[in-house]
Amino acid sequence: MKMIPPKPFTFEAGPRAVLLLHAFTGSSTDVRALGRYLQKQGYTTHAPIYEGHAVPPEELMKTGPDEWWQNVDRAYQHLINEGYDEIAVCGLSLGGLMSLRAGYTFPVKGIIPMCAPMKTNHNKERLYQGVLSYAKEYKQLEGKTESEVNEEMEAFQQLPLDTLDSVNELIEEVHENLDMVDAPVQVIQAGKDELIDPDSANVLYEALDIREKELKWFENSPHVITHGPDKNELHETIYQFLEQLDWEKGE
């Protein structure tokens, strides 16, 4: 079976742009439906794919936040180069961390972190279980036999876990720099988050030293909130937040 890997996307609309950032082990498909929805509302959306993602899982374990941040940086610069100088940023999980980092690195109109981890306790084990599930599913989608999958998974589990350590280091770095965020922030959290501690949303909200912040809970949604049962309400919530930002240009 030939897999068709996801690709970055740009959905063009008006002069206001939203940079959409996917999750760890995810891809642009995490935010594609949101991108299309926002495009219909007049927002141009762009989503990169981080290095080591949407490729065999062994490649993922060779990468880390430095490479992923370069992808975010290039994606932001891509929008600037295309003439979009008013940009908001929205990300899921790891993408939520990256959206916050973008918020204190680049000029942005607003930041929307969804299910962004802020607590490192037990996080490495949760990440590892998520990576194992991702790796097994990827190999199954490649059409490999059960014995092939099992053999490759045994080898996969022998790989160094430096990538997982680096994710926790990124969480700590972002948390320490939240006082530098000065754009409005909409913190979004899934109530049935199975990958991160949902209390991360409260930790993030309290650590933000800004007046324009809000916290939105979607009690019935899983970690990949963009594919959950509340996704239509999620889309509308994000759109309403974007509409309240201080854009200089019309839609």
C-alpha atoms as a PDB file:
ATOM      1  CA  MET A   1       0.000   0.000   0.000  1.00  0.00           C
ATOM      2  CA  LYS A   2       1.420   3.344  -1.057  1.00  0.00           C
ATOM      3  CA  MET A   3       0.983   6.040   1.560  1.00  0.00           C
ATOM      4  CA  ILE A   4       0.306   9.586   0.441  1.00  0.00           C
ATOM      5  CA  PRO A   5       2.070  11.783   2.994  1.00  0.00           C
ATOM      6  CA  PRO A   6       0.410  15.013   4.118  1.00  0.00           C
ATOM      7  CA  LYS A   7       1.858  18.259   2.792  1.00  0.00           C
ATOM      8  CA  PRO A   8       2.084  21.825   4.061  1.00  0.00           C
ATOM      9  CA  PHE A   9      -0.784  24.015   2.890  1.00  0.00           C
ATOM     10  CA  THR A  10      -1.620  27.624   2.206  1.00  0.00           C
ATOM     11  CA  PHE A  11      -5.293  28.542   1.857  1.00  0.00           C
ATOM     12  CA  GLU A  12      -5.428  32.094   0.526  1.00  0.00           C
ATOM     13  CA  ALA A  13      -8.192  34.553   1.349  1.00  0.00           C
ATOM     14  CA  GLY A  14      -7.930  38.059   2.819  1.00  0.00           C
ATOM     15  CA  PRO A  15      -4.938  40.097   4.100  1.00  0.00           C
ATOM     16  CA  ARG A  16      -5.225  38.767   7.656  1.00  0.00           C
ATOM     17  CA  ALA A  17      -3.184  35.583   8.092  1.00  0.00           C
ATOM     18  CA  VAL A  18      -3.186  32.760  10.634  1.00  0.00           C
ATOM     19  CA  LEU A  19      -0.175  30.483  11.032  1.00  0.00           C
ATOM     20  CA  LEU A  20      -1.405  27.016  12.020  1.00  0.00           C
ATOM     21  CA  LEU A  21       0.978  24.638  13.826  1.00  0.00           C
ATOM     22  CA  HIS A  22       0.421  20.903  14.245  1.00  0.00           C
ATOM     23  CA  ALA A  23       1.092  18.529  17.141  1.00  0.00           C
ATOM     24  CA  PHE A  24       4.013  16.274  18.028  1.00  0.00           C
ATOM     25  CA  THR A  25       3.751  13.120  15.828  1.00  0.00           C
ATOM     26  CA  GLY A  26       1.058  14.996  13.888  1.00  0.00           C
ATOM     27  CA  SER A  27       0.994  16.799  10.564  1.00  0.00           C
ATOM     28  CA  SER A  28      -0.833  19.554   8.728  1.00  0.00           C
ATOM     29  CA  THR A  29      -3.941  17.342   8.751  1.00  0.00           C
ATOM     30  CA  ASP A  30      -4.289  18.279  12.444  1.00  0.00           C
ATOM     31  CA  VAL A  31      -5.271  21.801  11.417  1.00  0.00           C
ATOM     32  CA  ARG A  32      -6.510  21.411   7.828  1.00  0.00           C
ATOM     33  CA  ALA A  33     -10.232  21.607   8.625  1.00  0.00           C
ATOM     34  CA  LEU A  34      -9.622  24.652  10.822  1.00  0.00           C
ATOM     35  CA  GLY A  35      -7.598  26.212   8.014  1.00  0.00           C
ATOM     36  CA  ARG A  36     -10.418  25.712   5.521  1.00  0.00           C
ATOM     37  CA  TYR A  37     -12.980  27.092   7.955  1.00  0.00           C
ATOM     38  CA  LEU A  38     -10.958  30.236   8.597  1.00  0.00           C
ATOM     39  CA  GLN A  39     -10.345  30.655   4.876  1.00  0.00           C
ATOM     40  CA  LYS A  40     -14.117  30.740   4.351  1.00  0.00           C
ATOM     41  CA  GLN A  41     -14.278  33.493   6.967  1.00  0.00           C
ATOM     42  CA  GLY A  42     -11.750  35.585   5.031  1.00  0.00           C
ATOM     43  CA  TYR A  43      -8.492  34.581   6.730  1.00  0.00           C
ATOM     44  CA  THR A  44      -5.469  33.312   4.835  1.00  0.00           C
ATOM     45  CA  THR A  45      -4.047  30.242   6.599  1.00  0.00           C
ATOM     46  CA  HIS A  46      -0.698  28.517   6.300  1.00  0.00           C
ATOM     47  CA  ALA A  47       0.521  25.307   7.964  1.00  0.00           C
ATOM     48  CA  PRO A  48       4.031  23.854   7.732  1.00  0.00           C
ATOM     49  CA  ILE A  49       5.104  20.305   8.595  1.00  0.00           C
ATOM     50  CA  TYR A  50       7.968  19.928  11.049  1.00  0.00           C
ATOM     51  CA  GLU A  51      11.065  17.991  10.146  1.00  0.00           C
ATOM     52  CA  GLY A  52      10.761  14.329  11.099  1.00  0.00           C
ATOM     53  CA  HIS A  53       6.964  14.368  10.852  1.00  0.00           C
ATOM     54  CA  ALA A  54       4.758  12.712   8.198  1.00  0.00           C
ATOM     55  CA  VAL A  55       7.729  10.417   7.452  1.00  0.00           C
ATOM     56  CA  PRO A  56       8.822   7.065   8.973  1.00  0.00           C
ATOM     57  CA  PRO A  57       8.849   7.379  12.779  1.00  0.00           C
ATOM     58  CA  GLU A  58      12.551   6.570  12.982  1.00  0.00           C
ATOM     59  CA  GLU A  59      13.166   9.973  11.388  1.00  0.00           C
ATOM     60  CA  LEU A  60      11.173  11.687  14.125  1.00  0.00           C
ATOM     61  CA  MET A  61      13.566  10.446  16.785  1.00  0.00           C
ATOM     62  CA  LYS A  62      16.470  12.102  14.976  1.00  0.00           C
ATOM     63  CA  THR A  63      14.935  15.575  15.278  1.00  0.00           C
ATOM     64  CA  GLY A  64      14.010  17.990  18.040  1.00  0.00           C
ATOM     65  CA  PRO A  65      12.709  21.469  18.895  1.00  0.00           C
ATOM     66  CA  ASP A  66      15.585  23.271  17.168  1.00  0.00           C
ATOM     67  CA  GLU A  67      14.671  21.782  13.797  1.00  0.00           C
ATOM     68  CA  TRP A  68      10.938  22.201  14.405  1.00  0.00           C
ATOM     69  CA  TRP A  69      11.398  25.824  15.362  1.00  0.00           C
ATOM     70  CA  GLN A  70      13.275  26.446  12.110  1.00  0.00           C
ATOM     71  CA  ASN A  71      10.176  25.141  10.293  1.00  0.00           C
ATOM     72  CA  VAL A  72       7.972  27.563  12.257  1.00  0.00           C
ATOM     73  CA  ASP A  73      10.371  30.430  11.581  1.00  0.00           C
ATOM     74  CA  ARG A  74      10.378  29.683   7.852  1.00  0.00           C
ATOM     75  CA  ALA A  75       6.586  29.398   7.805  1.00  0.00           C
ATOM     76  CA  TYR A  76       6.224  32.810   9.464  1.00  0.00           C
ATOM     77  CA  GLN A  77       8.729  34.313   7.035  1.00  0.00           C
ATOM     78  CA  HIS A  78       6.871  32.692   4.143  1.00  0.00           C
ATOM     79  CA  LEU A  79       3.735  34.622   5.084  1.00  0.00           C
ATOM     80  CA  ILE A  80       5.731  37.846   5.437  1.00  0.00           C
ATOM     81  CA  ASN A  81       7.355  37.271   2.041  1.00  0.00           C
ATOM     82  CA  GLU A  82       3.933  36.706   0.494  1.00  0.00           C
ATOM     83  CA  GLY A  83       2.841  40.112   1.745  1.00  0.00           C
ATOM     84  CA  TYR A  84       0.988  39.139   4.929  1.00  0.00           C
ATOM     85  CA  ASP A  85       2.236  41.484   7.638  1.00  0.00           C
ATOM     86  CA  GLU A  86      -0.610  40.891  10.103  1.00  0.00           C
ATOM     87  CA  ILE A  87      -0.363  37.371  11.470  1.00  0.00           C
ATOM     88  CA  ALA A  88      -2.000  35.460  14.311  1.00  0.00           C
ATOM     89  CA  VAL A  89      -0.709  32.049  15.344  1.00  0.00           C
ATOM     90  CA  CYS A  90      -2.631  28.987  16.503  1.00  0.00           C
ATOM     91  CA  GLY A  91      -1.193  25.598  17.424  1.00  0.00           C
ATOM     92  CA  LEU A  92      -2.129  22.203  18.803  1.00  0.00           C
ATOM     93  CA  SER A  93      -0.099  20.601  21.626  1.00  0.00           C
ATOM     94  CA  LEU A  94       3.559  20.994  20.557  1.00  0.00           C
ATOM     95  CA  GLY A  95       2.185  23.519  18.078  1.00  0.00           C
ATOM     96  CA  GLY A  96       0.626  25.353  21.012  1.00  0.00           C
ATOM     97  CA  LEU A  97       4.061  25.634  22.616  1.00  0.00           C
ATOM     98  CA  MET A  98       5.489  26.847  19.330  1.00  0.00           C
ATOM     99  CA  SER A  99       2.672  29.394  18.980  1.00  0.00           C
ATOM    100  CA  LEU A 100       3.558  30.843  22.388  1.00  0.00           C
ATOM    101  CA  ARG A 101       7.237  30.937  21.459  1.00  0.00           C
ATOM    102  CA  ALA A 102       6.313  32.705  18.232  1.00  0.00           C
ATOM    103  CA  GLY A 103       4.312  35.155  20.344  1.00  0.00           C
ATOM    104  CA  TYR A 104       7.386  36.375  22.198  1.00  0.00           C
ATOM    105  CA  THR A 105       9.698  36.107  19.166  1.00  0.00           C
ATOM    106  CA  PHE A 106       7.765  37.674  16.285  1.00  0.00           C
ATOM    107  CA  PRO A 107       5.174  40.449  16.004  1.00  0.00           C
ATOM    108  CA  VAL A 108       1.819  38.642  16.134  1.00  0.00           C
ATOM    109  CA  LYS A 109      -1.749  39.863  16.494  1.00  0.00           C
ATOM    110  CA  GLY A 110      -2.904  37.049  18.745  1.00  0.00           C
ATOM    111  CA  ILE A 111      -2.009  33.571  20.002  1.00  0.00           C
ATOM    112  CA  ILE A 112      -4.224  30.483  20.327  1.00  0.00           C
ATOM    113  CA  PRO A 113      -2.530  27.534  22.053  1.00  0.00           C
ATOM    114  CA  MET A 114      -4.706  24.398  22.056  1.00  0.00           C
ATOM    115  CA  CYS A 115      -3.944  21.612  24.563  1.00  0.00           C
ATOM    116  CA  ALA A 116      -0.437  22.955  25.102  1.00  0.00           C
ATOM    117  CA  PRO A 117       1.583  21.046  27.729  1.00  0.00           C
ATOM    118  CA  MET A 118       2.883  23.102  30.646  1.00  0.00           C
ATOM    119  CA  LYS A 119       3.713  20.365  33.143  1.00  0.00           C
ATOM    120  CA  THR A 120       6.661  18.008  32.755  1.00  0.00           C
ATOM    121  CA  ASN A 121       5.731  15.550  35.535  1.00  0.00           C
ATOM    122  CA  HIS A 122       5.177  12.131  33.948  1.00  0.00           C
ATOM    123  CA  ASN A 123       5.129  13.870  30.567  1.00  0.00           C
ATOM    124  CA  LYS A 124       8.012  11.842  29.098  1.00  0.00           C
ATOM    125  CA  GLU A 125       6.201   8.550  29.675  1.00  0.00           C
ATOM    126  CA  ARG A 126       3.010   9.927  28.097  1.00  0.00           C
ATOM    127  CA  LEU A 127       5.001  11.202  25.129  1.00  0.00           C
ATOM    128  CA  TYR A 128       6.737   7.845  24.766  1.00  0.00           C
ATOM    129  CA  GLN A 129       3.473   5.912  24.747  1.00  0.00           C
ATOM    130  CA  GLY A 130       2.143   8.345  22.154  1.00  0.00           C
ATOM    131  CA  VAL A 131       5.231   7.870  19.982  1.00  0.00           C
ATOM    132  CA  LEU A 132       4.946   4.082  20.206  1.00  0.00           C
ATOM    133  CA  SER A 133       1.294   4.225  19.130  1.00  0.00           C
ATOM    134  CA  TYR A 134       2.182   6.569  16.279  1.00  0.00           C
ATOM    135  CA  ALA A 135       5.065   4.352  15.119  1.00  0.00           C
ATOM    136  CA  LYS A 136       2.971   1.180  15.163  1.00  0.00           C
ATOM    137  CA  GLU A 137       0.081   2.800  13.318  1.00  0.00           C
ATOM    138  CA  TYR A 138       2.449   4.254  10.716  1.00  0.00           C
ATOM    139  CA  LYS A 139       3.959   0.843  10.015  1.00  0.00           C
ATOM    140  CA  GLN A 140       0.537  -0.754   9.782  1.00  0.00           C
ATOM    141  CA  LEU A 141      -0.560   1.903   7.290  1.00  0.00           C
ATOM    142  CA  GLU A 142       2.501   1.053   5.223  1.00  0.00           C
ATOM    143  CA  GLY A 143       0.938  -2.377   4.763  1.00  0.00           C
ATOM    144  CA  LYS A 144       3.567  -4.332   6.679  1.00  0.00           C
ATOM    145  CA  THR A 145       2.743  -7.742   8.140  1.00  0.00           C
ATOM    146  CA  GLU A 146       2.221  -8.194  11.868  1.00  0.00           C
ATOM    147  CA  SER A 147       5.585  -9.919  12.219  1.00  0.00           C
ATOM    148  CA  GLU A 148       7.317  -7.117  10.296  1.00  0.00           C
ATOM    149  CA  VAL A 149       5.646  -4.504  12.465  1.00  0.00           C
ATOM    150  CA  ASN A 150       6.619  -6.324  15.664  1.00  0.00           C
ATOM    151  CA  GLU A 151      10.225  -6.748  14.544  1.00  0.00           C
ATOM    152  CA  GLU A 152      10.552  -3.082  13.562  1.00  0.00           C
ATOM    153  CA  MET A 153       8.890  -1.934  16.782  1.00  0.00           C
ATOM    154  CA  GLU A 154      11.412  -3.892  18.827  1.00  0.00           C
ATOM    155  CA  ALA A 155      14.206  -2.052  17.017  1.00  0.00           C
ATOM    156  CA  PHE A 156      12.340   1.259  17.370  1.00  0.00           C
ATOM    157  CA  GLN A 157      12.166   0.887  21.139  1.00  0.00           C
ATOM    158  CA  GLN A 158      15.963   0.719  21.276  1.00  0.00           C
ATOM    159  CA  LEU A 159      16.355   4.226  19.828  1.00  0.00           C
ATOM    160  CA  PRO A 160      17.613   7.029  22.110  1.00  0.00           C
ATOM    161  CA  LEU A 161      14.922   9.150  23.756  1.00  0.00           C
ATOM    162  CA  ASP A 162      16.731  12.481  23.389  1.00  0.00           C
ATOM    163  CA  THR A 163      13.801  13.859  21.398  1.00  0.00           C
ATOM    164  CA  LEU A 164      11.412  13.310  24.307  1.00  0.00           C
ATOM    165  CA  ASP A 165      13.820  14.951  26.748  1.00  0.00           C
ATOM    166  CA  SER A 166      14.075  17.936  24.427  1.00  0.00           C
ATOM    167  CA  VAL A 167      10.283  18.357  24.365  1.00  0.00           C
ATOM    168  CA  ASN A 168      10.269  18.690  28.154  1.00  0.00           C
ATOM    169  CA  GLU A 169      13.100  21.213  27.906  1.00  0.00           C
ATOM    170  CA  LEU A 170      10.993  23.193  25.426  1.00  0.00           C
ATOM    171  CA  ILE A 171       8.034  23.179  27.839  1.00  0.00           C
ATOM    172  CA  GLU A 172      10.244  24.595  30.576  1.00  0.00           C
ATOM    173  CA  GLU A 173      11.753  27.231  28.269  1.00  0.00           C
ATOM    174  CA  VAL A 174       8.363  28.458  27.060  1.00  0.00           C
ATOM    175  CA  HIS A 175       6.956  28.550  30.588  1.00  0.00           C
ATOM    176  CA  GLU A 176       9.901  30.649  31.768  1.00  0.00           C
ATOM    177  CA  ASN A 177       9.367  33.175  28.972  1.00  0.00           C
ATOM    178  CA  LEU A 178       5.590  33.610  29.153  1.00  0.00           C
ATOM    179  CA  ASP A 179       6.049  37.008  30.796  1.00  0.00           C
ATOM    180  CA  MET A 180       7.351  38.258  27.442  1.00  0.00           C
ATOM    181  CA  VAL A 181       4.068  37.513  25.672  1.00  0.00           C
ATOM    182  CA  ASP A 182       2.206  40.753  25.053  1.00  0.00           C
ATOM    183  CA  ALA A 183      -0.351  39.769  22.392  1.00  0.00           C
ATOM    184  CA  PRO A 184      -3.882  38.629  23.343  1.00  0.00           C
ATOM    185  CA  VAL A 185      -4.066  34.889  24.094  1.00  0.00           C
ATOM    186  CA  GLN A 186      -6.949  32.443  23.881  1.00  0.00           C
ATOM    187  CA  VAL A 187      -6.019  29.302  25.832  1.00  0.00           C
ATOM    188  CA  ILE A 188      -8.010  26.275  24.649  1.00  0.00           C
ATOM    189  CA  GLN A 189      -8.122  22.934  26.460  1.00  0.00           C
ATOM    190  CA  ALA A 190      -9.843  19.587  25.906  1.00  0.00           C
ATOM    191  CA  GLY A 191     -11.594  18.174  28.953  1.00  0.00           C
ATOM    192  CA  LYS A 192     -10.890  14.556  27.963  1.00  0.00           C
ATOM    193  CA  ASP A 193      -7.243  15.122  27.087  1.00  0.00           C
ATOM    194  CA  GLU A 194      -5.560  11.732  27.277  1.00  0.00           C
ATOM    195  CA  LEU A 195      -2.034  12.889  26.436  1.00  0.00           C
ATOM    196  CA  ILE A 196      -1.319  15.898  28.652  1.00  0.00           C
ATOM    197  CA  ASP A 197      -2.515  16.951  32.084  1.00  0.00           C
ATOM    198  CA  PRO A 198      -5.534  19.205  31.396  1.00  0.00           C
ATOM    199  CA  ASP A 199      -4.459  21.376  34.325  1.00  0.00           C
ATOM    200  CA  SER A 200      -1.735  22.656  31.986  1.00  0.00           C
ATOM    201  CA  ALA A 201      -4.351  25.103  30.698  1.00  0.00           C
ATOM    202  CA  ASN A 202      -4.776  26.641  34.149  1.00  0.00           C
ATOM    203  CA  VAL A 203      -1.006  26.807  34.647  1.00  0.00           C
ATOM    204  CA  LEU A 204      -0.618  28.566  31.300  1.00  0.00           C
ATOM    205  CA  TYR A 205      -3.482  30.986  31.871  1.00  0.00           C
ATOM    206  CA  GLU A 206      -2.208  32.015  35.307  1.00  0.00           C
ATOM    207  CA  ALA A 207       1.374  32.453  34.065  1.00  0.00           C
ATOM    208  CA  LEU A 208       0.375  34.902  31.321  1.00  0.00           C
ATOM    209  CA  ASP A 209       1.050  38.434  32.532  1.00  0.00           C
ATOM    210  CA  ILE A 210      -1.409  40.148  30.209  1.00  0.00           C
ATOM    211  CA  ARG A 211      -4.899  41.581  30.546  1.00  0.00           C
ATOM    212  CA  GLU A 212      -6.266  40.269  27.242  1.00  0.00           C
ATOM    213  CA  LYS A 213      -6.436  36.545  27.892  1.00  0.00           C
ATOM    214  CA  GLU A 214      -9.204  33.988  28.054  1.00  0.00           C
ATOM    215  CA  LEU A 215      -9.526  30.289  28.820  1.00  0.00           C
ATOM    216  CA  LYS A 216     -11.943  28.074  26.899  1.00  0.00           C
ATOM    217  CA  TRP A 217     -12.715  24.464  27.853  1.00  0.00           C
ATOM    218  CA  PHE A 218     -14.206  21.839  25.555  1.00  0.00           C
ATOM    219  CA  GLU A 219     -15.221  19.176  28.036  1.00  0.00           C
ATOM    220  CA  ASN A 220     -16.066  16.406  25.560  1.00  0.00           C
ATOM    221  CA  SER A 221     -12.962  16.672  23.384  1.00  0.00           C
ATOM    222  CA  PRO A 222      -9.811  14.497  23.313  1.00  0.00           C
ATOM    223  CA  HIS A 223      -6.240  15.777  22.961  1.00  0.00           C
ATOM    224  CA  VAL A 224      -6.505  16.198  19.187  1.00  0.00           C
ATOM    225  CA  ILE A 225      -9.278  18.683  19.782  1.00  0.00           C
ATOM    226  CA  THR A 226      -9.379  19.746  16.135  1.00  0.00           C
ATOM    227  CA  HIS A 227     -10.763  16.302  15.211  1.00  0.00           C
ATOM    228  CA  GLY A 228     -12.992  15.948  18.265  1.00  0.00           C
ATOM    229  CA  PRO A 229     -16.785  16.115  18.659  1.00  0.00           C
ATOM    230  CA  ASP A 230     -16.681  19.839  19.494  1.00  0.00           C
ATOM    231  CA  LYS A 231     -14.712  20.875  16.407  1.00  0.00           C
ATOM    232  CA  ASN A 232     -17.485  23.025  14.923  1.00  0.00           C
ATOM    233  CA  GLU A 233     -17.825  24.957  18.180  1.00  0.00           C
ATOM    234  CA  LEU A 234     -14.023  25.124  18.368  1.00  0.00           C
ATOM    235  CA  HIS A 235     -13.842  26.684  14.900  1.00  0.00           C
ATOM    236  CA  GLU A 236     -16.418  29.316  15.806  1.00  0.00           C
ATOM    237  CA  THR A 237     -14.699  30.091  19.137  1.00  0.00           C
ATOM    238  CA  ILE A 238     -11.361  30.661  17.417  1.00  0.00           C
ATOM    239  CA  TYR A 239     -12.987  32.768  14.706  1.00  0.00           C
ATOM    240  CA  GLN A 240     -14.707  35.003  17.265  1.00  0.00           C
ATOM    241  CA  PHE A 241     -11.389  35.512  19.088  1.00  0.00           C
ATOM    242  CA  LEU A 242      -9.666  36.452  15.838  1.00  0.00           C
ATOM    243  CA  GLU A 243     -12.415  38.930  15.019  1.00  0.00           C
ATOM    244  CA  GLN A 244     -11.758  40.801  18.280  1.00  0.00           C
ATOM    245  CA  LEU A 245      -8.053  41.338  17.593  1.00  0.00           C
ATOM    246  CA  ASP A 246      -6.615  44.697  16.627  1.00  0.00           C
ATOM    247  CA  TRP A 247      -6.263  44.183  12.878  1.00  0.00           C
ATOM    248  CA  GLU A 248      -5.316  47.207  10.812  1.00  0.00           C
ATOM    249  CA  LYS A 249      -6.553  45.697   7.572  1.00  0.00           C
ATOM    250  CA  GLY A 250     -10.047  44.520   6.796  1.00  0.00           C
ATOM    251  CA  GLU A 251     -10.949  41.032   5.708  1.00  0.00           C
END
